Amino acid sequence: MIKFVKYLVQSLLIYFFFIVGKFLGIRLSRKFFSLVFSKLGPFFRSNKIVKKNLEIFSSNFSDKEKNKIIKKMWENYGKTFIEYMYLKKLRESKFNVVVKGENNLLYIKKNRKPVIFVSGHFANFELMSMEITKKDIKLATIYRPLNNIFLNPLMEFLRKKYVCNNQIKKGINGVRKAIEYLKKDYSIALMIDQRVSEGAKINLFNKSALTTTLPAQLSIKFDLDIVPVFIERTEDDNFIIEFFEPINNKKFKDKISLSQALNKQLEKMITRNPYQWIWTHNRWK
């Protein structure tokens, strides 16, 4: 009952913020919510996790640099939060996203063979699947449903309508669903930066972290390339999405060594722009 009331109060507050964001327009709401999140974020319980994660990332950082990363992260978090109300606008815009490595996407489309797209929670992470589907590549996206039962239906609706129509809930049933999509020549997209209880312990920044091996397993089982994707928000709130060279599973002896290579890719992305990765995940629990 307590959890029910908690989720209800949270959802009412968030729905109110969404209404405010729609009233303000995308530019003003980005500024407003980046300010709100940067001010309130340090008081959230997850801020302890952020500080712990940053210490693992680099113990050599000064407090000033760590505080800068934390502030920038919360600012980006606030912008990404309110951009859910503007997914339609982001999808229809032809100028807000610069795509690097587009030749890799065009090859996938031309070759008509599925791949596994992997990324992390950088900038507005929803844009990865959105941009892939805008290129008319058949895609299904694996996602983790929100715990809040009052908010999750809205998130699922928005993702299906504006990001990717084929949404797969994370879990055992989700794996079966992903395999069904692969057999129909759909590519699969998923985030690999969250802790998973069913994962393998693989190093991330020289410390063992439970890591999903699903991309590696699917890649090996169906002989599919894995395409890492990096998303970055620019100063003017446009985005750069980079599709890297495909990774061939035949270069690795097993799913663990392939998963370790993917973690290395993730490390490079985080290091490239630590200000826009969501550090609130309890990655090294």
C-alpha atoms as a PDB file:
ATOM      1  CA  MET A   1       0.000   0.000   0.000  1.00  0.00           C
ATOM      2  CA  ILE A   2       2.847   2.390   0.842  1.00  0.00           C
ATOM      3  CA  LYS A   3       4.509   1.705  -2.497  1.00  0.00           C
ATOM      4  CA  PHE A   4       1.168   2.220  -4.290  1.00  0.00           C
ATOM      5  CA  VAL A   5       0.721   5.654  -2.680  1.00  0.00           C
ATOM      6  CA  LYS A   6       4.371   6.532  -3.359  1.00  0.00           C
ATOM      7  CA  TYR A   7       4.045   5.713  -7.067  1.00  0.00           C
ATOM      8  CA  LEU A   8       0.744   7.598  -7.287  1.00  0.00           C
ATOM      9  CA  VAL A   9       2.232  10.766  -5.755  1.00  0.00           C
ATOM     10  CA  GLN A  10       5.336  10.486  -7.960  1.00  0.00           C
ATOM     11  CA  SER A  11       3.256  10.064 -11.104  1.00  0.00           C
ATOM     12  CA  LEU A  12       0.977  13.013 -10.298  1.00  0.00           C
ATOM     13  CA  LEU A  13       4.028  15.225  -9.768  1.00  0.00           C
ATOM     14  CA  ILE A  14       5.656  14.061 -12.995  1.00  0.00           C
ATOM     15  CA  TYR A  15       2.461  14.487 -14.992  1.00  0.00           C
ATOM     16  CA  PHE A  16       2.236  18.026 -13.617  1.00  0.00           C
ATOM     17  CA  PHE A  17       5.833  18.678 -14.731  1.00  0.00           C
ATOM     18  CA  PHE A  18       5.003  17.299 -18.177  1.00  0.00           C
ATOM     19  CA  ILE A  19       2.075  19.711 -18.474  1.00  0.00           C
ATOM     20  CA  VAL A  20       4.324  22.596 -17.405  1.00  0.00           C
ATOM     21  CA  GLY A  21       6.899  21.492 -19.985  1.00  0.00           C
ATOM     22  CA  LYS A  22       4.331  21.463 -22.781  1.00  0.00           C
ATOM     23  CA  PHE A  23       3.153  24.928 -21.754  1.00  0.00           C
ATOM     24  CA  LEU A  24       6.691  26.362 -21.738  1.00  0.00           C
ATOM     25  CA  GLY A  25       7.758  24.916 -25.101  1.00  0.00           C
ATOM     26  CA  ILE A  26      10.841  22.832 -25.740  1.00  0.00           C
ATOM     27  CA  ARG A  27      13.504  25.556 -25.408  1.00  0.00           C
ATOM     28  CA  LEU A  28      12.275  27.063 -22.158  1.00  0.00           C
ATOM     29  CA  SER A  29      11.372  23.701 -20.633  1.00  0.00           C
ATOM     30  CA  ARG A  30      14.876  22.377 -21.317  1.00  0.00           C
ATOM     31  CA  LYS A  31      16.362  25.358 -19.504  1.00  0.00           C
ATOM     32  CA  PHE A  32      13.861  25.157 -16.659  1.00  0.00           C
ATOM     33  CA  PHE A  33      14.162  21.425 -15.993  1.00  0.00           C
ATOM     34  CA  SER A  34      17.924  21.329 -16.399  1.00  0.00           C
ATOM     35  CA  LEU A  35      18.012  23.957 -13.624  1.00  0.00           C
ATOM     36  CA  VAL A  36      15.481  22.091 -11.465  1.00  0.00           C
ATOM     37  CA  PHE A  37      17.299  18.749 -11.779  1.00  0.00           C
ATOM     38  CA  SER A  38      20.728  20.297 -11.152  1.00  0.00           C
ATOM     39  CA  LYS A  39      19.415  21.892  -7.941  1.00  0.00           C
ATOM     40  CA  LEU A  40      17.379  18.929  -6.650  1.00  0.00           C
ATOM     41  CA  GLY A  41      19.524  16.055  -7.984  1.00  0.00           C
ATOM     42  CA  PRO A  42      22.220  16.285  -5.285  1.00  0.00           C
ATOM     43  CA  PHE A  43      19.497  15.659  -2.654  1.00  0.00           C
ATOM     44  CA  PHE A  44      18.273  12.434  -4.285  1.00  0.00           C
ATOM     45  CA  ARG A  45      19.308   9.171  -2.648  1.00  0.00           C
ATOM     46  CA  SER A  46      20.899   8.091  -5.934  1.00  0.00           C
ATOM     47  CA  ASN A  47      23.460  10.896  -5.606  1.00  0.00           C
ATOM     48  CA  LYS A  48      25.413   8.658  -3.194  1.00  0.00           C
ATOM     49  CA  ILE A  49      25.630   6.071  -5.970  1.00  0.00           C
ATOM     50  CA  VAL A  50      26.796   8.759  -8.390  1.00  0.00           C
ATOM     51  CA  LYS A  51      29.678   9.741  -6.096  1.00  0.00           C
ATOM     52  CA  LYS A  52      30.673   6.102  -5.550  1.00  0.00           C
ATOM     53  CA  ASN A  53      30.629   5.442  -9.296  1.00  0.00           C
ATOM     54  CA  LEU A  54      32.743   8.508 -10.020  1.00  0.00           C
ATOM     55  CA  GLU A  55      35.353   7.318  -7.536  1.00  0.00           C
ATOM     56  CA  ILE A  56      35.572   4.010  -9.435  1.00  0.00           C
ATOM     57  CA  PHE A  57      35.724   5.871 -12.743  1.00  0.00           C
ATOM     58  CA  SER A  58      38.638   8.026 -11.613  1.00  0.00           C
ATOM     59  CA  SER A  59      39.930   8.490  -8.085  1.00  0.00           C
ATOM     60  CA  ASN A  60      42.290  11.164  -9.461  1.00  0.00           C
ATOM     61  CA  PHE A  61      39.493  13.628 -10.184  1.00  0.00           C
ATOM     62  CA  SER A  62      39.350  16.664  -7.927  1.00  0.00           C
ATOM     63  CA  ASP A  63      36.144  17.417  -6.032  1.00  0.00           C
ATOM     64  CA  LYS A  64      35.649  20.368  -8.375  1.00  0.00           C
ATOM     65  CA  GLU A  65      35.736  18.129 -11.464  1.00  0.00           C
ATOM     66  CA  LYS A  66      33.445  15.541  -9.851  1.00  0.00           C
ATOM     67  CA  ASN A  67      30.947  18.232  -8.920  1.00  0.00           C
ATOM     68  CA  LYS A  68      31.049  19.535 -12.486  1.00  0.00           C
ATOM     69  CA  ILE A  69      30.276  16.065 -13.850  1.00  0.00           C
ATOM     70  CA  ILE A  70      27.426  15.659 -11.361  1.00  0.00           C
ATOM     71  CA  LYS A  71      25.943  19.066 -12.223  1.00  0.00           C
ATOM     72  CA  LYS A  72      26.180  18.493 -15.988  1.00  0.00           C
ATOM     73  CA  MET A  73      24.711  15.009 -15.637  1.00  0.00           C
ATOM     74  CA  TRP A  74      21.667  16.292 -13.752  1.00  0.00           C
ATOM     75  CA  GLU A  75      21.223  19.110 -16.277  1.00  0.00           C
ATOM     76  CA  ASN A  76      21.187  16.590 -19.122  1.00  0.00           C
ATOM     77  CA  TYR A  77      18.879  14.347 -17.099  1.00  0.00           C
ATOM     78  CA  GLY A  78      16.409  17.224 -16.734  1.00  0.00           C
ATOM     79  CA  LYS A  79      16.468  17.964 -20.457  1.00  0.00           C
ATOM     80  CA  THR A  80      16.018  14.306 -21.371  1.00  0.00           C
ATOM     81  CA  PHE A  81      13.142  14.023 -18.886  1.00  0.00           C
ATOM     82  CA  ILE A  82      11.089  16.801 -20.480  1.00  0.00           C
ATOM     83  CA  GLU A  83      12.020  15.769 -24.043  1.00  0.00           C
ATOM     84  CA  TYR A  84       9.627  12.829 -23.648  1.00  0.00           C
ATOM     85  CA  MET A  85       6.921  15.428 -24.238  1.00  0.00           C
ATOM     86  CA  TYR A  86       8.647  16.409 -27.484  1.00  0.00           C
ATOM     87  CA  LEU A  87       9.522  13.022 -29.009  1.00  0.00           C
ATOM     88  CA  LYS A  88       7.148  13.751 -31.889  1.00  0.00           C
ATOM     89  CA  LYS A  89       8.968  17.021 -32.598  1.00  0.00           C
ATOM     90  CA  LEU A  90      12.374  15.309 -32.364  1.00  0.00           C
ATOM     91  CA  ARG A  91      11.270  12.549 -34.722  1.00  0.00           C
ATOM     92  CA  GLU A  92       9.900  14.949 -37.324  1.00  0.00           C
ATOM     93  CA  SER A  93      12.861  17.334 -37.216  1.00  0.00           C
ATOM     94  CA  LYS A  94      15.479  16.931 -39.949  1.00  0.00           C
ATOM     95  CA  PHE A  95      18.020  19.246 -38.388  1.00  0.00           C
ATOM     96  CA  ASN A  96      18.415  18.304 -34.727  1.00  0.00           C
ATOM     97  CA  VAL A  97      20.559  15.183 -35.296  1.00  0.00           C
ATOM     98  CA  VAL A  98      23.902  14.781 -37.060  1.00  0.00           C
ATOM     99  CA  VAL A  99      24.648  11.149 -37.914  1.00  0.00           C
ATOM    100  CA  LYS A 100      28.239   9.949 -38.059  1.00  0.00           C
ATOM    101  CA  GLY A 101      29.076   6.556 -39.508  1.00  0.00           C
ATOM    102  CA  GLU A 102      25.935   6.695 -41.634  1.00  0.00           C
ATOM    103  CA  ASN A 103      27.641   4.405 -44.138  1.00  0.00           C
ATOM    104  CA  ASN A 104      27.434   1.647 -41.520  1.00  0.00           C
ATOM    105  CA  LEU A 105      23.665   2.149 -41.330  1.00  0.00           C
ATOM    106  CA  LEU A 106      23.283   2.229 -45.099  1.00  0.00           C
ATOM    107  CA  TYR A 107      25.254  -1.024 -45.398  1.00  0.00           C
ATOM    108  CA  ILE A 108      22.949  -2.708 -42.864  1.00  0.00           C
ATOM    109  CA  LYS A 109      19.891  -1.506 -44.767  1.00  0.00           C
ATOM    110  CA  LYS A 110      21.306  -2.628 -48.103  1.00  0.00           C
ATOM    111  CA  ASN A 111      22.572  -5.970 -46.797  1.00  0.00           C
ATOM    112  CA  ARG A 112      19.220  -6.746 -45.150  1.00  0.00           C
ATOM    113  CA  LYS A 113      20.892  -8.821 -42.457  1.00  0.00           C
ATOM    114  CA  PRO A 114      20.033  -8.032 -38.830  1.00  0.00           C
ATOM    115  CA  VAL A 115      22.593  -6.665 -36.377  1.00  0.00           C
ATOM    116  CA  ILE A 116      22.659  -5.992 -32.650  1.00  0.00           C
ATOM    117  CA  PHE A 117      22.828  -2.265 -31.810  1.00  0.00           C
ATOM    118  CA  VAL A 118      24.250  -1.525 -28.358  1.00  0.00           C
ATOM    119  CA  SER A 119      24.663   1.697 -26.436  1.00  0.00           C
ATOM    120  CA  GLY A 120      24.341   3.224 -22.971  1.00  0.00           C
ATOM    121  CA  HIS A 121      22.271   5.907 -21.311  1.00  0.00           C
ATOM    122  CA  PHE A 122      23.994   8.898 -22.926  1.00  0.00           C
ATOM    123  CA  ALA A 123      22.398  12.289 -23.700  1.00  0.00           C
ATOM    124  CA  ASN A 124      18.856  11.433 -24.884  1.00  0.00           C
ATOM    125  CA  PHE A 125      19.336   7.686 -25.307  1.00  0.00           C
ATOM    126  CA  GLU A 126      15.880   7.212 -26.914  1.00  0.00           C
ATOM    127  CA  LEU A 127      17.251   8.794 -30.095  1.00  0.00           C
ATOM    128  CA  MET A 128      19.308   5.706 -30.977  1.00  0.00           C
ATOM    129  CA  SER A 129      16.288   3.548 -31.840  1.00  0.00           C
ATOM    130  CA  MET A 130      14.417   6.552 -33.214  1.00  0.00           C
ATOM    131  CA  GLU A 131      17.174   7.357 -35.698  1.00  0.00           C
ATOM    132  CA  ILE A 132      17.552   3.727 -36.780  1.00  0.00           C
ATOM    133  CA  THR A 133      13.853   3.413 -37.551  1.00  0.00           C
ATOM    134  CA  LYS A 134      13.909   6.754 -39.379  1.00  0.00           C
ATOM    135  CA  LYS A 135      16.388   5.101 -41.762  1.00  0.00           C
ATOM    136  CA  ASP A 136      13.746   2.410 -42.451  1.00  0.00           C
ATOM    137  CA  ILE A 137      15.737  -0.349 -40.800  1.00  0.00           C
ATOM    138  CA  LYS A 138      13.549  -3.072 -39.284  1.00  0.00           C
ATOM    139  CA  LEU A 139      14.113  -2.851 -35.538  1.00  0.00           C
ATOM    140  CA  ALA A 140      12.909  -4.118 -32.171  1.00  0.00           C
ATOM    141  CA  THR A 141      14.100  -2.510 -28.947  1.00  0.00           C
ATOM    142  CA  ILE A 142      14.639  -4.194 -25.587  1.00  0.00           C
ATOM    143  CA  TYR A 143      13.651  -1.976 -22.673  1.00  0.00           C
ATOM    144  CA  ARG A 144      13.199  -2.158 -18.907  1.00  0.00           C
ATOM    145  CA  PRO A 145       9.669  -1.181 -17.821  1.00  0.00           C
ATOM    146  CA  LEU A 146       9.380   1.490 -15.146  1.00  0.00           C
ATOM    147  CA  ASN A 147       8.534   0.257 -11.671  1.00  0.00           C
ATOM    148  CA  ASN A 148       5.894   2.979 -11.393  1.00  0.00           C
ATOM    149  CA  ILE A 149       2.679   1.402 -12.689  1.00  0.00           C
ATOM    150  CA  PHE A 150       1.096   4.821 -13.228  1.00  0.00           C
ATOM    151  CA  LEU A 151       3.911   6.155 -15.397  1.00  0.00           C
ATOM    152  CA  ASN A 152       4.934   3.071 -17.360  1.00  0.00           C
ATOM    153  CA  PRO A 153       1.858   3.019 -19.685  1.00  0.00           C
ATOM    154  CA  LEU A 154       2.630   6.563 -20.856  1.00  0.00           C
ATOM    155  CA  MET A 155       6.314   5.741 -21.421  1.00  0.00           C
ATOM    156  CA  GLU A 156       5.404   2.622 -23.402  1.00  0.00           C
ATOM    157  CA  PHE A 157       2.914   4.584 -25.503  1.00  0.00           C
ATOM    158  CA  LEU A 158       5.430   7.325 -26.311  1.00  0.00           C
ATOM    159  CA  ARG A 159       8.196   4.857 -27.166  1.00  0.00           C
ATOM    160  CA  LYS A 160       5.973   2.770 -29.432  1.00  0.00           C
ATOM    161  CA  LYS A 161       4.525   5.814 -31.212  1.00  0.00           C
ATOM    162  CA  TYR A 162       7.669   7.910 -31.703  1.00  0.00           C
ATOM    163  CA  VAL A 163      10.772   5.810 -30.985  1.00  0.00           C
ATOM    164  CA  CYS A 164      10.262   2.220 -32.128  1.00  0.00           C
ATOM    165  CA  ASN A 165       6.946   0.426 -32.511  1.00  0.00           C
ATOM    166  CA  ASN A 166       8.421  -2.957 -31.587  1.00  0.00           C
ATOM    167  CA  GLN A 167       9.159  -2.846 -27.861  1.00  0.00           C
ATOM    168  CA  ILE A 168      10.429  -5.925 -26.003  1.00  0.00           C
ATOM    169  CA  LYS A 169      10.216  -6.096 -22.223  1.00  0.00           C
ATOM    170  CA  LYS A 170      13.472  -7.113 -20.591  1.00  0.00           C
ATOM    171  CA  GLY A 171      13.515 -10.652 -19.136  1.00  0.00           C
ATOM    172  CA  ILE A 172      13.325 -14.307 -20.159  1.00  0.00           C
ATOM    173  CA  ASN A 173      10.192 -13.776 -22.228  1.00  0.00           C
ATOM    174  CA  GLY A 174      11.892 -10.786 -23.797  1.00  0.00           C
ATOM    175  CA  VAL A 175      14.798 -12.952 -24.943  1.00  0.00           C
ATOM    176  CA  ARG A 176      12.355 -15.316 -26.665  1.00  0.00           C
ATOM    177  CA  LYS A 177      10.641 -12.344 -28.278  1.00  0.00           C
ATOM    178  CA  ALA A 178      13.991 -10.958 -29.467  1.00  0.00           C
ATOM    179  CA  ILE A 179      14.821 -14.293 -31.096  1.00  0.00           C
ATOM    180  CA  GLU A 180      11.438 -14.261 -32.859  1.00  0.00           C
ATOM    181  CA  TYR A 181      12.208 -10.806 -34.255  1.00  0.00           C
ATOM    182  CA  LEU A 182      15.706 -11.858 -35.365  1.00  0.00           C
ATOM    183  CA  LYS A 183      14.237 -14.780 -37.276  1.00  0.00           C
ATOM    184  CA  LYS A 184      12.072 -12.242 -39.107  1.00  0.00           C
ATOM    185  CA  ASP A 185      15.212 -10.253 -40.036  1.00  0.00           C
ATOM    186  CA  TYR A 186      14.680  -7.479 -37.486  1.00  0.00           C
ATOM    187  CA  SER A 187      17.710  -5.919 -35.843  1.00  0.00           C
ATOM    188  CA  ILE A 188      17.735  -5.612 -32.053  1.00  0.00           C
ATOM    189  CA  ALA A 189      18.721  -2.538 -30.014  1.00  0.00           C
ATOM    190  CA  LEU A 190      19.485  -2.504 -26.294  1.00  0.00           C
ATOM    191  CA  MET A 191      21.385  -0.678 -23.569  1.00  0.00           C
ATOM    192  CA  ILE A 192      24.296  -2.531 -21.993  1.00  0.00           C
ATOM    193  CA  ASP A 193      25.240  -0.160 -19.174  1.00  0.00           C
ATOM    194  CA  GLN A 194      22.814  -1.260 -16.449  1.00  0.00           C
ATOM    195  CA  ARG A 195      23.487  -3.856 -13.766  1.00  0.00           C
ATOM    196  CA  VAL A 196      21.657  -7.128 -14.426  1.00  0.00           C
ATOM    197  CA  SER A 197      21.097  -9.868 -11.848  1.00  0.00           C
ATOM    198  CA  GLU A 198      21.472 -12.600 -14.481  1.00  0.00           C
ATOM    199  CA  GLY A 199      24.685 -11.155 -15.949  1.00  0.00           C
ATOM    200  CA  ALA A 200      28.310 -12.235 -15.776  1.00  0.00           C
ATOM    201  CA  LYS A 201      30.942 -10.483 -13.679  1.00  0.00           C
ATOM    202  CA  ILE A 202      33.043  -8.590 -16.207  1.00  0.00           C
ATOM    203  CA  ASN A 203      35.424  -5.695 -15.629  1.00  0.00           C
ATOM    204  CA  LEU A 204      34.272  -2.148 -16.230  1.00  0.00           C
ATOM    205  CA  PHE A 205      36.906   0.467 -15.395  1.00  0.00           C
ATOM    206  CA  ASN A 206      39.002  -2.271 -13.754  1.00  0.00           C
ATOM    207  CA  LYS A 207      36.282  -3.332 -11.326  1.00  0.00           C
ATOM    208  CA  SER A 208      34.001  -6.344 -11.657  1.00  0.00           C
ATOM    209  CA  ALA A 209      30.435  -5.451 -12.642  1.00  0.00           C
ATOM    210  CA  LEU A 210      27.455  -7.654 -13.438  1.00  0.00           C
ATOM    211  CA  THR A 211      27.118  -7.284 -17.192  1.00  0.00           C
ATOM    212  CA  THR A 212      24.557  -8.514 -19.680  1.00  0.00           C
ATOM    213  CA  THR A 213      25.912 -11.144 -22.084  1.00  0.00           C
ATOM    214  CA  LEU A 214      22.748 -11.112 -24.202  1.00  0.00           C
ATOM    215  CA  PRO A 215      24.232  -9.156 -27.138  1.00  0.00           C
ATOM    216  CA  ALA A 216      27.174 -11.570 -27.297  1.00  0.00           C
ATOM    217  CA  GLN A 217      24.932 -14.629 -27.026  1.00  0.00           C
ATOM    218  CA  LEU A 218      22.624 -13.458 -29.813  1.00  0.00           C
ATOM    219  CA  SER A 219      25.577 -12.415 -31.944  1.00  0.00           C
ATOM    220  CA  ILE A 220      27.257 -15.824 -31.654  1.00  0.00           C
ATOM    221  CA  LYS A 221      24.076 -17.892 -31.963  1.00  0.00           C
ATOM    222  CA  PHE A 222      22.831 -16.134 -35.105  1.00  0.00           C
ATOM    223  CA  ASP A 223      26.204 -14.963 -36.469  1.00  0.00           C
ATOM    224  CA  LEU A 224      25.326 -11.278 -36.267  1.00  0.00           C
ATOM    225  CA  ASP A 225      27.554  -8.226 -36.086  1.00  0.00           C
ATOM    226  CA  ILE A 226      27.286  -5.884 -33.103  1.00  0.00           C
ATOM    227  CA  VAL A 227      27.175  -2.136 -33.794  1.00  0.00           C
ATOM    228  CA  PRO A 228      28.090   0.185 -30.873  1.00  0.00           C
ATOM    229  CA  VAL A 229      26.285   3.541 -30.894  1.00  0.00           C
ATOM    230  CA  PHE A 230      27.278   6.743 -29.106  1.00  0.00           C
ATOM    231  CA  ILE A 231      24.932   9.698 -28.538  1.00  0.00           C
ATOM    232  CA  GLU A 232      26.065  13.162 -27.519  1.00  0.00           C
ATOM    233  CA  ARG A 233      24.138  16.362 -26.822  1.00  0.00           C
ATOM    234  CA  THR A 234      25.702  19.547 -28.205  1.00  0.00           C
ATOM    235  CA  GLU A 235      25.739  22.961 -26.535  1.00  0.00           C
ATOM    236  CA  ASP A 236      22.754  24.096 -28.614  1.00  0.00           C
ATOM    237  CA  ASP A 237      20.726  20.976 -27.664  1.00  0.00           C
ATOM    238  CA  ASN A 238      21.157  19.230 -30.967  1.00  0.00           C
ATOM    239  CA  PHE A 239      22.603  15.717 -31.057  1.00  0.00           C
ATOM    240  CA  ILE A 240      25.421  13.753 -32.632  1.00  0.00           C
ATOM    241  CA  ILE A 241      24.805  10.026 -33.049  1.00  0.00           C
ATOM    242  CA  GLU A 242      27.747   7.901 -34.118  1.00  0.00           C
ATOM    243  CA  PHE A 243      27.359   4.375 -35.451  1.00  0.00           C
ATOM    244  CA  PHE A 244      30.692   2.618 -35.072  1.00  0.00           C
ATOM    245  CA  GLU A 245      32.217  -0.082 -37.236  1.00  0.00           C
ATOM    246  CA  PRO A 246      30.456  -3.425 -36.716  1.00  0.00           C
ATOM    247  CA  ILE A 247      32.114  -5.882 -34.338  1.00  0.00           C
ATOM    248  CA  ASN A 248      32.401  -9.424 -35.710  1.00  0.00           C
ATOM    249  CA  ASN A 249      31.908 -12.163 -33.120  1.00  0.00           C
ATOM    250  CA  LYS A 250      34.362 -14.492 -34.877  1.00  0.00           C
ATOM    251  CA  LYS A 251      37.246 -12.455 -33.465  1.00  0.00           C
ATOM    252  CA  PHE A 252      36.356 -13.622 -29.951  1.00  0.00           C
ATOM    253  CA  LYS A 253      36.546 -17.041 -28.328  1.00  0.00           C
ATOM    254  CA  ASP A 254      33.294 -16.864 -26.343  1.00  0.00           C
ATOM    255  CA  LYS A 255      30.488 -14.681 -25.026  1.00  0.00           C
ATOM    256  CA  ILE A 256      32.592 -13.464 -22.078  1.00  0.00           C
ATOM    257  CA  SER A 257      35.479 -12.153 -24.176  1.00  0.00           C
ATOM    258  CA  LEU A 258      33.007 -10.520 -26.585  1.00  0.00           C
ATOM    259  CA  SER A 259      31.105  -8.947 -23.686  1.00  0.00           C
ATOM    260  CA  GLN A 260      34.402  -7.661 -22.274  1.00  0.00           C
ATOM    261  CA  ALA A 261      35.085  -5.978 -25.628  1.00  0.00           C
ATOM    262  CA  LEU A 262      31.672  -4.315 -25.458  1.00  0.00           C
ATOM    263  CA  ASN A 263      32.436  -3.054 -21.955  1.00  0.00           C
ATOM    264  CA  LYS A 264      35.661  -1.579 -23.339  1.00  0.00           C
ATOM    265  CA  GLN A 265      33.603   0.251 -25.957  1.00  0.00           C
ATOM    266  CA  LEU A 266      31.334   1.502 -23.182  1.00  0.00           C
ATOM    267  CA  GLU A 267      34.357   2.735 -21.218  1.00  0.00           C
ATOM    268  CA  LYS A 268      35.531   4.737 -24.227  1.00  0.00           C
ATOM    269  CA  MET A 269      32.108   6.315 -24.630  1.00  0.00           C
ATOM    270  CA  ILE A 270      31.866   7.273 -20.953  1.00  0.00           C
ATOM    271  CA  THR A 271      35.398   8.684 -20.967  1.00  0.00           C
ATOM    272  CA  ARG A 272      34.644  10.652 -24.122  1.00  0.00           C
ATOM    273  CA  ASN A 273      31.831  12.539 -22.398  1.00  0.00           C
ATOM    274  CA  PRO A 274      31.338  11.686 -18.716  1.00  0.00           C
ATOM    275  CA  TYR A 275      28.996  14.665 -18.353  1.00  0.00           C
ATOM    276  CA  GLN A 276      26.200  12.980 -20.283  1.00  0.00           C
ATOM    277  CA  TRP A 277      26.212   9.427 -18.947  1.00  0.00           C
ATOM    278  CA  ILE A 278      23.593   8.675 -16.301  1.00  0.00           C
ATOM    279  CA  TRP A 279      25.766   7.812 -13.300  1.00  0.00           C
ATOM    280  CA  THR A 280      22.788   6.958 -11.060  1.00  0.00           C
ATOM    281  CA  HIS A 281      22.796   3.250 -12.014  1.00  0.00           C
ATOM    282  CA  ASN A 282      24.241   1.091  -9.224  1.00  0.00           C
ATOM    283  CA  ARG A 283      26.653  -0.437 -11.735  1.00  0.00           C
ATOM    284  CA  TRP A 284      29.191  -1.945  -9.350  1.00  0.00           C
ATOM    285  CA  LYS A 285      26.874  -3.160  -6.577  1.00  0.00           C
END
